[in-house]
Amino acid sequence: MEQKRCKWVPLNDPLYVRYHDTEWGVPVHDDRILFEMLILEGMQAGLSWITVLRKREGYRKAFDNFDIDKILTYDEQKIEELVQNPEIIRHRLKITSVIQNAKAFRDIQNEYGSFDSFLWSYVNYTPLTGHWKKHEDIPATTPLSDQISKDLKKRGFKFVGSTIIYAFMQATGIVNDHITECFAYEEIVR
């Protein structure tokens, strides 16, 4: 018998299935991965997630595996290289936002010891669990994503609107929004 999954997962796309089954909704506490996911969710703005997911390896290569120390050294020449790179989405504002977000991310790390500590403090270091029966019931934003978005914008982050932040929260397991009949829902709750 085939495992039940969230309805948004196209079962004919192994990349999407693997992402859903092994990453989406699993709590993340590694700052490098949190930075990567924050950047990738911002890159999705106006696009589908699969577009970004298919370019993920290109992003890792183009942005030095999301190494903040390296990104903080990027200059105009590097930005021009990135704008010409066909392995990523070549949107100048999104590309320059990565550098700005790296600076703001580093500021939070310096203040809180880690971005992980800052982010997870919003949920008292415990993932929130949705109890959704249908995908259509899952919200695109919540008061919490509104608050985190507002706080990140105040700190200088770009491409961190409430919808992007809620998707980021789902992706990094701050929220478990797998539908209740999805096999991953119970695995994450355990």
N, C-alpha and C. Protein backbone atom coordinates (compact mmCIF):
# COMPACT_ATOMS: atom_id res chain seq x y z
N MET A 1 0.85 -1.19 0.00
CA MET A 1 0.00 0.00 0.00
C MET A 1 0.89 1.26 0.00
N GLU A 2 0.55 2.18 -0.87
CA GLU A 2 1.33 3.40 -0.98
C GLU A 2 1.05 4.35 0.19
N GLN A 3 2.11 5.01 0.65
CA GLN A 3 1.95 5.97 1.74
C GLN A 3 1.13 7.17 1.29
N LYS A 4 0.29 7.67 2.20
CA LYS A 4 -0.46 8.88 1.90
C LYS A 4 0.44 10.08 2.14
N ARG A 5 0.36 11.04 1.23
CA ARG A 5 1.16 12.26 1.33
C ARG A 5 0.23 13.46 1.21
N CYS A 6 0.79 14.62 1.53
CA CYS A 6 0.09 15.87 1.31
C CYS A 6 -0.26 15.98 -0.17
N LYS A 7 -1.43 16.52 -0.47
CA LYS A 7 -1.92 16.56 -1.86
C LYS A 7 -1.10 17.47 -2.77
N TRP A 8 -0.33 18.40 -2.20
CA TRP A 8 0.44 19.32 -3.05
C TRP A 8 1.67 18.67 -3.69
N VAL A 9 1.97 17.46 -3.30
CA VAL A 9 3.16 16.79 -3.82
C VAL A 9 2.84 16.04 -5.10
N PRO A 10 3.43 16.46 -6.24
CA PRO A 10 3.21 15.71 -7.48
C PRO A 10 4.00 14.39 -7.42
N LEU A 11 3.30 13.29 -7.34
CA LEU A 11 3.94 11.99 -7.12
C LEU A 11 4.83 11.55 -8.28
N ASN A 12 4.68 12.20 -9.44
CA ASN A 12 5.52 11.85 -10.59
C ASN A 12 6.82 12.65 -10.63
N ASP A 13 7.08 13.43 -9.59
CA ASP A 13 8.31 14.23 -9.53
C ASP A 13 9.15 13.78 -8.33
N PRO A 14 10.16 12.93 -8.56
CA PRO A 14 10.97 12.38 -7.45
C PRO A 14 11.64 13.45 -6.59
N LEU A 15 12.05 14.56 -7.19
CA LEU A 15 12.68 15.65 -6.44
C LEU A 15 11.70 16.23 -5.42
N TYR A 16 10.48 16.48 -5.86
CA TYR A 16 9.44 17.03 -4.98
C TYR A 16 9.06 16.02 -3.90
N VAL A 17 8.91 14.75 -4.29
CA VAL A 17 8.55 13.72 -3.32
C VAL A 17 9.63 13.61 -2.24
N ARG A 18 10.89 13.58 -2.66
CA ARG A 18 12.00 13.48 -1.71
C ARG A 18 12.01 14.69 -0.76
N TYR A 19 11.80 15.90 -1.32
CA TYR A 19 11.76 17.10 -0.49
C TYR A 19 10.64 17.00 0.56
N HIS A 20 9.45 16.62 0.11
CA HIS A 20 8.32 16.47 1.03
C HIS A 20 8.60 15.42 2.10
N ASP A 21 9.10 14.27 1.67
CA ASP A 21 9.25 13.12 2.58
C ASP A 21 10.38 13.28 3.59
N THR A 22 11.43 14.01 3.22
CA THR A 22 12.61 14.04 4.09
C THR A 22 12.95 15.40 4.68
N GLU A 23 12.38 16.48 4.14
CA GLU A 23 12.77 17.81 4.62
C GLU A 23 11.61 18.66 5.14
N TRP A 24 10.56 18.78 4.33
CA TRP A 24 9.50 19.73 4.63
C TRP A 24 8.84 19.41 5.96
N GLY A 25 8.88 20.35 6.87
CA GLY A 25 8.26 20.16 8.17
C GLY A 25 9.16 19.57 9.24
N VAL A 26 10.36 19.13 8.85
CA VAL A 26 11.30 18.57 9.82
C VAL A 26 12.04 19.72 10.51
N PRO A 27 12.04 19.78 11.84
CA PRO A 27 12.69 20.90 12.54
C PRO A 27 14.17 21.04 12.19
N VAL A 28 14.56 22.27 11.84
CA VAL A 28 15.94 22.60 11.46
C VAL A 28 16.52 23.52 12.53
N HIS A 29 17.74 23.20 12.97
CA HIS A 29 18.42 24.04 13.97
C HIS A 29 19.82 24.45 13.52
N ASP A 30 20.17 24.13 12.30
CA ASP A 30 21.48 24.49 11.75
C ASP A 30 21.38 25.85 11.06
N ASP A 31 22.17 26.82 11.52
CA ASP A 31 22.09 28.17 10.96
C ASP A 31 22.34 28.22 9.46
N ARG A 32 23.25 27.42 8.95
CA ARG A 32 23.51 27.46 7.51
C ARG A 32 22.28 27.02 6.72
N ILE A 33 21.63 25.97 7.20
CA ILE A 33 20.43 25.48 6.51
C ILE A 33 19.29 26.48 6.68
N LEU A 34 19.16 27.07 7.87
CA LEU A 34 18.12 28.09 8.06
C LEU A 34 18.34 29.26 7.10
N PHE A 35 19.59 29.68 6.94
CA PHE A 35 19.88 30.77 6.01
C PHE A 35 19.54 30.35 4.57
N GLU A 36 19.96 29.16 4.19
CA GLU A 36 19.65 28.66 2.85
C GLU A 36 18.14 28.67 2.59
N MET A 37 17.39 28.14 3.53
CA MET A 37 15.94 28.05 3.32
C MET A 37 15.29 29.44 3.31
N LEU A 38 15.77 30.35 4.14
CA LEU A 38 15.24 31.71 4.13
C LEU A 38 15.48 32.36 2.77
N ILE A 39 16.67 32.16 2.23
CA ILE A 39 17.00 32.71 0.91
C ILE A 39 16.16 32.05 -0.17
N LEU A 40 16.09 30.73 -0.17
CA LEU A 40 15.33 30.04 -1.21
C LEU A 40 13.85 30.39 -1.17
N GLU A 41 13.28 30.51 0.02
CA GLU A 41 11.87 30.90 0.11
C GLU A 41 11.67 32.30 -0.47
N GLY A 42 12.63 33.21 -0.22
CA GLY A 42 12.54 34.55 -0.80
C GLY A 42 12.66 34.52 -2.31
N MET A 43 13.47 33.60 -2.83
CA MET A 43 13.63 33.48 -4.28
C MET A 43 12.34 33.02 -4.94
N GLN A 44 11.51 32.33 -4.18
CA GLN A 44 10.25 31.80 -4.71
C GLN A 44 9.25 32.91 -5.01
N ALA A 45 9.37 34.07 -4.40
CA ALA A 45 8.38 35.14 -4.55
C ALA A 45 7.99 35.30 -6.02
N GLY A 46 6.72 35.09 -6.31
CA GLY A 46 6.20 35.22 -7.66
C GLY A 46 6.40 33.99 -8.53
N LEU A 47 6.98 32.95 -7.98
CA LEU A 47 7.27 31.73 -8.74
C LEU A 47 6.73 30.52 -8.00
N SER A 48 6.85 29.35 -8.62
CA SER A 48 6.44 28.12 -7.94
C SER A 48 7.65 27.56 -7.18
N TRP A 49 7.37 26.83 -6.12
CA TRP A 49 8.45 26.26 -5.31
C TRP A 49 9.30 25.28 -6.12
N ILE A 50 8.67 24.53 -7.01
CA ILE A 50 9.43 23.54 -7.78
C ILE A 50 10.48 24.23 -8.65
N THR A 51 10.20 25.44 -9.13
CA THR A 51 11.18 26.20 -9.91
C THR A 51 12.44 26.43 -9.09
N VAL A 52 12.26 26.83 -7.84
CA VAL A 52 13.39 27.08 -6.95
C VAL A 52 14.06 25.75 -6.57
N LEU A 53 13.26 24.76 -6.26
CA LEU A 53 13.81 23.46 -5.85
C LEU A 53 14.70 22.87 -6.95
N ARG A 54 14.29 23.03 -8.19
CA ARG A 54 15.09 22.50 -9.31
C ARG A 54 16.39 23.27 -9.48
N LYS A 55 16.45 24.49 -9.00
CA LYS A 55 17.66 25.31 -9.11
C LYS A 55 18.48 25.32 -7.81
N ARG A 56 18.05 24.55 -6.84
CA ARG A 56 18.69 24.57 -5.53
C ARG A 56 20.19 24.29 -5.58
N GLU A 57 20.58 23.27 -6.33
CA GLU A 57 22.01 22.97 -6.43
C GLU A 57 22.77 24.11 -7.10
N GLY A 58 22.15 24.74 -8.08
CA GLY A 58 22.75 25.91 -8.71
C GLY A 58 22.94 27.05 -7.72
N TYR A 59 21.96 27.23 -6.84
CA TYR A 59 22.08 28.25 -5.79
C TYR A 59 23.20 27.92 -4.82
N ARG A 60 23.28 26.67 -4.44
CA ARG A 60 24.35 26.27 -3.51
C ARG A 60 25.72 26.56 -4.10
N LYS A 61 25.88 26.24 -5.39
CA LYS A 61 27.15 26.48 -6.05
C LYS A 61 27.39 28.00 -6.21
N ALA A 62 26.40 28.71 -6.68
CA ALA A 62 26.55 30.15 -6.95
C ALA A 62 26.80 30.96 -5.68
N PHE A 63 26.20 30.55 -4.57
CA PHE A 63 26.31 31.29 -3.31
C PHE A 63 27.20 30.57 -2.30
N ASP A 64 28.22 29.88 -2.79
CA ASP A 64 29.23 29.27 -1.91
C ASP A 64 28.61 28.45 -0.79
N ASN A 65 27.63 27.61 -1.15
CA ASN A 65 26.93 26.76 -0.19
C ASN A 65 26.34 27.57 0.97
N PHE A 66 25.92 28.78 0.65
CA PHE A 66 25.29 29.69 1.62
C PHE A 66 26.19 29.98 2.82
N ASP A 67 27.48 30.08 2.55
CA ASP A 67 28.47 30.44 3.56
C ASP A 67 28.40 31.96 3.76
N ILE A 68 27.89 32.38 4.90
CA ILE A 68 27.67 33.81 5.15
C ILE A 68 28.97 34.60 5.09
N ASP A 69 30.06 34.05 5.62
CA ASP A 69 31.33 34.76 5.59
C ASP A 69 31.74 35.09 4.15
N LYS A 70 31.54 34.15 3.25
CA LYS A 70 31.88 34.40 1.84
C LYS A 70 30.91 35.38 1.21
N ILE A 71 29.63 35.21 1.49
CA ILE A 71 28.62 36.10 0.89
C ILE A 71 28.83 37.54 1.32
N LEU A 72 29.28 37.75 2.55
CA LEU A 72 29.52 39.11 3.04
C LEU A 72 30.64 39.82 2.28
N THR A 73 31.45 39.06 1.53
CA THR A 73 32.54 39.68 0.75
C THR A 73 32.13 39.97 -0.70
N TYR A 74 30.93 39.60 -1.09
CA TYR A 74 30.50 39.79 -2.48
C TYR A 74 30.51 41.27 -2.84
N ASP A 75 31.00 41.54 -4.05
CA ASP A 75 31.07 42.91 -4.54
C ASP A 75 30.27 43.02 -5.85
N GLU A 76 30.34 44.17 -6.50
CA GLU A 76 29.59 44.38 -7.73
C GLU A 76 29.95 43.37 -8.82
N GLN A 77 31.21 43.03 -8.91
CA GLN A 77 31.64 42.05 -9.93
C GLN A 77 30.95 40.70 -9.68
N LYS A 78 30.91 40.28 -8.42
CA LYS A 78 30.27 39.01 -8.07
C LYS A 78 28.77 39.09 -8.38
N ILE A 79 28.15 40.23 -8.07
CA ILE A 79 26.72 40.40 -8.36
C ILE A 79 26.48 40.25 -9.86
N GLU A 80 27.33 40.87 -10.68
CA GLU A 80 27.20 40.77 -12.14
C GLU A 80 27.33 39.32 -12.59
N GLU A 81 28.27 38.58 -12.01
CA GLU A 81 28.41 37.15 -12.32
C GLU A 81 27.11 36.41 -12.02
N LEU A 82 26.54 36.69 -10.85
CA LEU A 82 25.32 36.01 -10.43
C LEU A 82 24.15 36.36 -11.33
N VAL A 83 24.06 37.61 -11.75
CA VAL A 83 22.97 38.03 -12.63
C VAL A 83 23.05 37.30 -13.99
N GLN A 84 24.24 36.90 -14.38
CA GLN A 84 24.43 36.19 -15.65
C GLN A 84 24.34 34.67 -15.51
N ASN A 85 24.21 34.17 -14.29
CA ASN A 85 24.27 32.73 -14.02
C ASN A 85 22.93 32.05 -14.36
N PRO A 86 22.90 31.18 -15.39
CA PRO A 86 21.65 30.53 -15.78
C PRO A 86 21.19 29.44 -14.80
N GLU A 87 22.04 29.09 -13.83
CA GLU A 87 21.67 28.04 -12.87
C GLU A 87 20.81 28.56 -11.72
N ILE A 88 20.62 29.89 -11.67
CA ILE A 88 19.78 30.48 -10.63
C ILE A 88 18.76 31.41 -11.29
N ILE A 89 17.84 31.92 -10.49
CA ILE A 89 16.88 32.91 -10.98
C ILE A 89 17.61 34.25 -11.01
N ARG A 90 17.73 34.82 -12.18
CA ARG A 90 18.59 35.99 -12.38
C ARG A 90 17.82 37.29 -12.16
N HIS A 91 17.38 37.50 -10.97
CA HIS A 91 16.61 38.67 -10.57
C HIS A 91 17.53 39.52 -9.68
N ARG A 92 17.96 40.66 -10.20
CA ARG A 92 18.97 41.49 -9.51
C ARG A 92 18.57 41.81 -8.06
N LEU A 93 17.34 42.23 -7.83
CA LEU A 93 16.93 42.58 -6.46
C LEU A 93 16.99 41.37 -5.52
N LYS A 94 16.59 40.22 -6.02
CA LYS A 94 16.65 39.01 -5.20
C LYS A 94 18.11 38.64 -4.92
N ILE A 95 18.96 38.78 -5.92
CA ILE A 95 20.38 38.46 -5.74
C ILE A 95 21.03 39.41 -4.72
N THR A 96 20.79 40.71 -4.86
CA THR A 96 21.39 41.65 -3.90
C THR A 96 20.79 41.49 -2.51
N SER A 97 19.55 41.00 -2.44
CA SER A 97 18.93 40.78 -1.12
C SER A 97 19.68 39.70 -0.34
N VAL A 98 20.31 38.76 -1.04
CA VAL A 98 21.06 37.70 -0.35
C VAL A 98 22.19 38.31 0.48
N ILE A 99 22.88 39.29 -0.09
CA ILE A 99 23.98 39.95 0.63
C ILE A 99 23.43 40.75 1.80
N GLN A 100 22.37 41.50 1.57
CA GLN A 100 21.73 42.27 2.65
C GLN A 100 21.24 41.33 3.76
N ASN A 101 20.63 40.23 3.37
CA ASN A 101 20.11 39.28 4.36
C ASN A 101 21.24 38.60 5.12
N ALA A 102 22.37 38.38 4.46
CA ALA A 102 23.54 37.80 5.15
C ALA A 102 24.02 38.75 6.25
N LYS A 103 24.04 40.05 5.96
CA LYS A 103 24.45 41.04 6.98
C LYS A 103 23.49 41.03 8.15
N ALA A 104 22.19 41.05 7.86
CA ALA A 104 21.18 41.07 8.93
C ALA A 104 21.21 39.76 9.71
N PHE A 105 21.43 38.65 9.02
CA PHE A 105 21.52 37.33 9.65
C PHE A 105 22.69 37.31 10.61
N ARG A 106 23.84 37.83 10.16
CA ARG A 106 25.04 37.87 11.01
C ARG A 106 24.80 38.75 12.24
N ASP A 107 24.10 39.86 12.07
CA ASP A 107 23.78 40.73 13.21
C ASP A 107 22.97 39.97 14.26
N ILE A 108 22.00 39.17 13.80
CA ILE A 108 21.20 38.37 14.73
C ILE A 108 22.07 37.31 15.40
N GLN A 109 22.95 36.67 14.64
CA GLN A 109 23.85 35.68 15.25
C GLN A 109 24.70 36.32 16.34
N ASN A 110 25.20 37.51 16.07
CA ASN A 110 26.02 38.21 17.06
C ASN A 110 25.23 38.59 18.30
N GLU A 111 23.97 38.94 18.11
CA GLU A 111 23.13 39.35 19.23
C GLU A 111 22.60 38.16 20.05
N TYR A 112 22.20 37.09 19.37
CA TYR A 112 21.54 35.96 20.05
C TYR A 112 22.41 34.71 20.19
N GLY A 113 23.59 34.74 19.60
CA GLY A 113 24.44 33.56 19.62
C GLY A 113 24.23 32.68 18.40
N SER A 114 23.01 32.67 17.87
CA SER A 114 22.68 31.94 16.65
C SER A 114 21.35 32.45 16.12
N PHE A 115 21.15 32.28 14.82
CA PHE A 115 19.84 32.61 14.25
C PHE A 115 18.81 31.63 14.78
N ASP A 116 19.24 30.39 14.96
CA ASP A 116 18.37 29.35 15.51
C ASP A 116 17.74 29.80 16.83
N SER A 117 18.54 30.33 17.74
CA SER A 117 18.02 30.78 19.05
C SER A 117 17.00 31.89 18.87
N PHE A 118 17.32 32.84 17.98
CA PHE A 118 16.40 33.95 17.71
C PHE A 118 15.08 33.42 17.15
N LEU A 119 15.15 32.60 16.12
CA LEU A 119 13.95 32.15 15.42
C LEU A 119 13.08 31.26 16.29
N TRP A 120 13.68 30.26 16.90
CA TRP A 120 12.90 29.29 17.67
C TRP A 120 12.35 29.87 18.96
N SER A 121 12.87 31.02 19.39
CA SER A 121 12.31 31.65 20.60
C SER A 121 10.86 32.09 20.37
N TYR A 122 10.49 32.33 19.12
CA TYR A 122 9.10 32.72 18.81
C TYR A 122 8.10 31.63 19.16
N VAL A 123 8.55 30.38 19.16
CA VAL A 123 7.64 29.26 19.46
C VAL A 123 8.07 28.53 20.73
N ASN A 124 8.83 29.23 21.56
CA ASN A 124 9.29 28.66 22.82
C ASN A 124 10.06 27.36 22.58
N TYR A 125 10.80 27.31 21.46
CA TYR A 125 11.68 26.19 21.10
C TYR A 125 10.94 24.87 20.89
N THR A 126 9.63 24.97 20.61
CA THR A 126 8.81 23.79 20.38
C THR A 126 8.01 23.97 19.09
N PRO A 127 8.12 23.04 18.15
CA PRO A 127 7.37 23.18 16.90
C PRO A 127 5.86 23.28 17.14
N LEU A 128 5.21 24.07 16.32
CA LEU A 128 3.75 24.15 16.33
C LEU A 128 3.22 23.06 15.41
N THR A 129 2.14 22.42 15.80
CA THR A 129 1.58 21.35 14.97
C THR A 129 0.19 21.74 14.52
N GLY A 130 0.04 21.80 13.18
CA GLY A 130 -1.29 22.02 12.61
C GLY A 130 -2.06 20.72 12.69
N HIS A 131 -3.34 20.81 12.63
CA HIS A 131 -4.18 19.61 12.66
C HIS A 131 -5.13 19.68 11.46
N TRP A 132 -4.52 19.80 10.27
CA TRP A 132 -5.29 20.05 9.06
C TRP A 132 -5.70 18.74 8.40
N LYS A 133 -6.96 18.65 8.06
CA LYS A 133 -7.46 17.47 7.35
C LYS A 133 -7.31 17.64 5.84
N LYS A 134 -7.40 18.90 5.37
CA LYS A 134 -7.30 19.17 3.93
C LYS A 134 -6.27 20.27 3.71
N HIS A 135 -5.55 20.16 2.61
CA HIS A 135 -4.54 21.16 2.26
C HIS A 135 -5.16 22.56 2.15
N GLU A 136 -6.37 22.62 1.65
CA GLU A 136 -7.05 23.92 1.46
C GLU A 136 -7.27 24.67 2.77
N ASP A 137 -7.24 23.96 3.89
CA ASP A 137 -7.46 24.59 5.20
C ASP A 137 -6.20 25.25 5.77
N ILE A 138 -5.05 24.92 5.21
CA ILE A 138 -3.78 25.45 5.74
C ILE A 138 -3.65 26.92 5.36
N PRO A 139 -3.37 27.78 6.32
CA PRO A 139 -3.28 29.21 6.01
C PRO A 139 -2.00 29.55 5.24
N ALA A 140 -2.03 30.69 4.56
CA ALA A 140 -0.84 31.19 3.85
C ALA A 140 -0.01 32.07 4.78
N THR A 141 -0.67 32.65 5.78
CA THR A 141 0.00 33.48 6.79
C THR A 141 -0.70 33.26 8.12
N THR A 142 -0.03 33.65 9.18
CA THR A 142 -0.62 33.60 10.52
C THR A 142 -0.17 34.86 11.26
N PRO A 143 -0.78 35.18 12.39
CA PRO A 143 -0.28 36.31 13.18
C PRO A 143 1.21 36.16 13.53
N LEU A 144 1.66 34.91 13.75
CA LEU A 144 3.07 34.70 14.06
C LEU A 144 3.97 35.00 12.86
N SER A 145 3.57 34.55 11.68
CA SER A 145 4.39 34.87 10.49
C SER A 145 4.36 36.37 10.22
N ASP A 146 3.24 37.03 10.51
CA ASP A 146 3.18 38.49 10.39
C ASP A 146 4.21 39.14 11.32
N GLN A 147 4.28 38.64 12.55
CA GLN A 147 5.20 39.22 13.54
C GLN A 147 6.66 38.99 13.18
N ILE A 148 6.99 37.76 12.80
CA ILE A 148 8.37 37.46 12.43
C ILE A 148 8.78 38.27 11.20
N SER A 149 7.89 38.35 10.23
CA SER A 149 8.15 39.15 9.03
C SER A 149 8.44 40.60 9.39
N LYS A 150 7.59 41.17 10.23
CA LYS A 150 7.76 42.56 10.66
C LYS A 150 9.10 42.75 11.38
N ASP A 151 9.42 41.81 12.27
CA ASP A 151 10.67 41.91 13.03
C ASP A 151 11.89 41.78 12.12
N LEU A 152 11.84 40.87 11.13
CA LEU A 152 12.96 40.70 10.22
C LEU A 152 13.13 41.94 9.33
N LYS A 153 12.03 42.48 8.86
CA LYS A 153 12.11 43.71 8.04
C LYS A 153 12.75 44.85 8.83
N LYS A 154 12.37 44.98 10.09
CA LYS A 154 12.97 46.02 10.95
C LYS A 154 14.47 45.84 11.08
N ARG A 155 14.92 44.61 10.99
CA ARG A 155 16.35 44.31 11.11
C ARG A 155 17.08 44.38 9.77
N GLY A 156 16.36 44.75 8.71
CA GLY A 156 17.00 44.96 7.42
C GLY A 156 16.86 43.85 6.40
N PHE A 157 16.12 42.80 6.72
CA PHE A 157 15.94 41.71 5.77
C PHE A 157 15.03 42.13 4.62
N LYS A 158 15.27 41.53 3.46
CA LYS A 158 14.46 41.75 2.26
C LYS A 158 13.83 40.43 1.83
N PHE A 159 12.72 40.51 1.11
CA PHE A 159 11.99 39.33 0.63
C PHE A 159 11.61 38.42 1.79
N VAL A 160 11.02 39.03 2.81
CA VAL A 160 10.60 38.28 3.99
C VAL A 160 9.16 38.67 4.38
N GLY A 161 8.29 38.79 3.38
CA GLY A 161 6.88 39.06 3.66
C GLY A 161 6.27 37.91 4.45
N SER A 162 5.10 38.13 4.98
CA SER A 162 4.46 37.14 5.85
C SER A 162 4.23 35.80 5.15
N THR A 163 3.84 35.81 3.88
CA THR A 163 3.62 34.55 3.17
C THR A 163 4.93 33.79 3.01
N ILE A 164 6.00 34.51 2.66
CA ILE A 164 7.32 33.88 2.53
C ILE A 164 7.76 33.30 3.88
N ILE A 165 7.56 34.08 4.94
CA ILE A 165 7.97 33.61 6.27
C ILE A 165 7.15 32.40 6.71
N TYR A 166 5.86 32.39 6.40
CA TYR A 166 5.08 31.21 6.79
C TYR A 166 5.56 29.97 6.04
N ALA A 167 5.86 30.13 4.74
CA ALA A 167 6.40 29.00 3.98
C ALA A 167 7.75 28.55 4.56
N PHE A 168 8.56 29.51 4.98
CA PHE A 168 9.85 29.22 5.63
C PHE A 168 9.62 28.46 6.94
N MET A 169 8.63 28.88 7.72
CA MET A 169 8.31 28.20 8.98
C MET A 169 7.88 26.75 8.72
N GLN A 170 7.10 26.55 7.67
CA GLN A 170 6.67 25.20 7.31
C GLN A 170 7.87 24.36 6.86
N ALA A 171 8.69 24.94 6.01
CA ALA A 171 9.83 24.21 5.44
C ALA A 171 10.83 23.78 6.50
N THR A 172 11.02 24.63 7.53
CA THR A 172 12.05 24.36 8.54
C THR A 172 11.48 23.75 9.82
N GLY A 173 10.23 23.32 9.77
CA GLY A 173 9.66 22.58 10.88
C GLY A 173 9.25 23.39 12.09
N ILE A 174 9.27 24.70 11.98
CA ILE A 174 8.74 25.51 13.07
C ILE A 174 7.25 25.23 13.19
N VAL A 175 6.67 24.92 12.02
CA VAL A 175 5.28 24.51 11.95
C VAL A 175 5.22 23.18 11.20
N ASN A 176 4.50 22.22 11.73
CA ASN A 176 4.24 20.97 11.02
C ASN A 176 2.87 21.11 10.39
N ASP A 177 2.84 21.43 9.10
CA ASP A 177 1.58 21.58 8.39
C ASP A 177 1.31 20.45 7.40
N HIS A 178 1.91 19.28 7.65
CA HIS A 178 1.49 18.11 6.88
C HIS A 178 0.04 17.84 7.26
N ILE A 179 -0.77 17.45 6.31
CA ILE A 179 -2.15 17.09 6.66
C ILE A 179 -2.11 15.85 7.55
N THR A 180 -3.11 15.69 8.36
CA THR A 180 -3.09 14.64 9.38
C THR A 180 -3.03 13.23 8.79
N GLU A 181 -3.52 13.01 7.57
CA GLU A 181 -3.45 11.66 6.99
C GLU A 181 -2.11 11.39 6.30
N CYS A 182 -1.25 12.40 6.19
CA CYS A 182 0.06 12.22 5.56
C CYS A 182 0.97 11.44 6.51
N PHE A 183 1.70 10.48 5.96
CA PHE A 183 2.59 9.66 6.80
C PHE A 183 3.61 10.51 7.56
N ALA A 184 4.05 11.62 6.96
CA ALA A 184 5.08 12.45 7.59
C ALA A 184 4.56 13.20 8.81
N TYR A 185 3.26 13.45 8.85
CA TYR A 185 2.67 14.16 9.98
C TYR A 185 3.01 13.46 11.29
N GLU A 186 2.70 12.17 11.38
CA GLU A 186 2.95 11.41 12.61
C GLU A 186 4.44 11.24 12.88
N GLU A 187 5.22 11.04 11.82
CA GLU A 187 6.68 10.89 12.02
C GLU A 187 7.27 12.12 12.67
N ILE A 188 6.82 13.28 12.24
CA ILE A 188 7.36 14.54 12.80
C ILE A 188 6.82 14.76 14.20
N VAL A 189 5.57 14.46 14.43
CA VAL A 189 4.98 14.64 15.76
C VAL A 189 5.74 13.78 16.78
N ARG A 190 6.12 12.56 16.37
CA ARG A 190 6.89 11.67 17.25
C ARG A 190 8.25 12.26 17.51
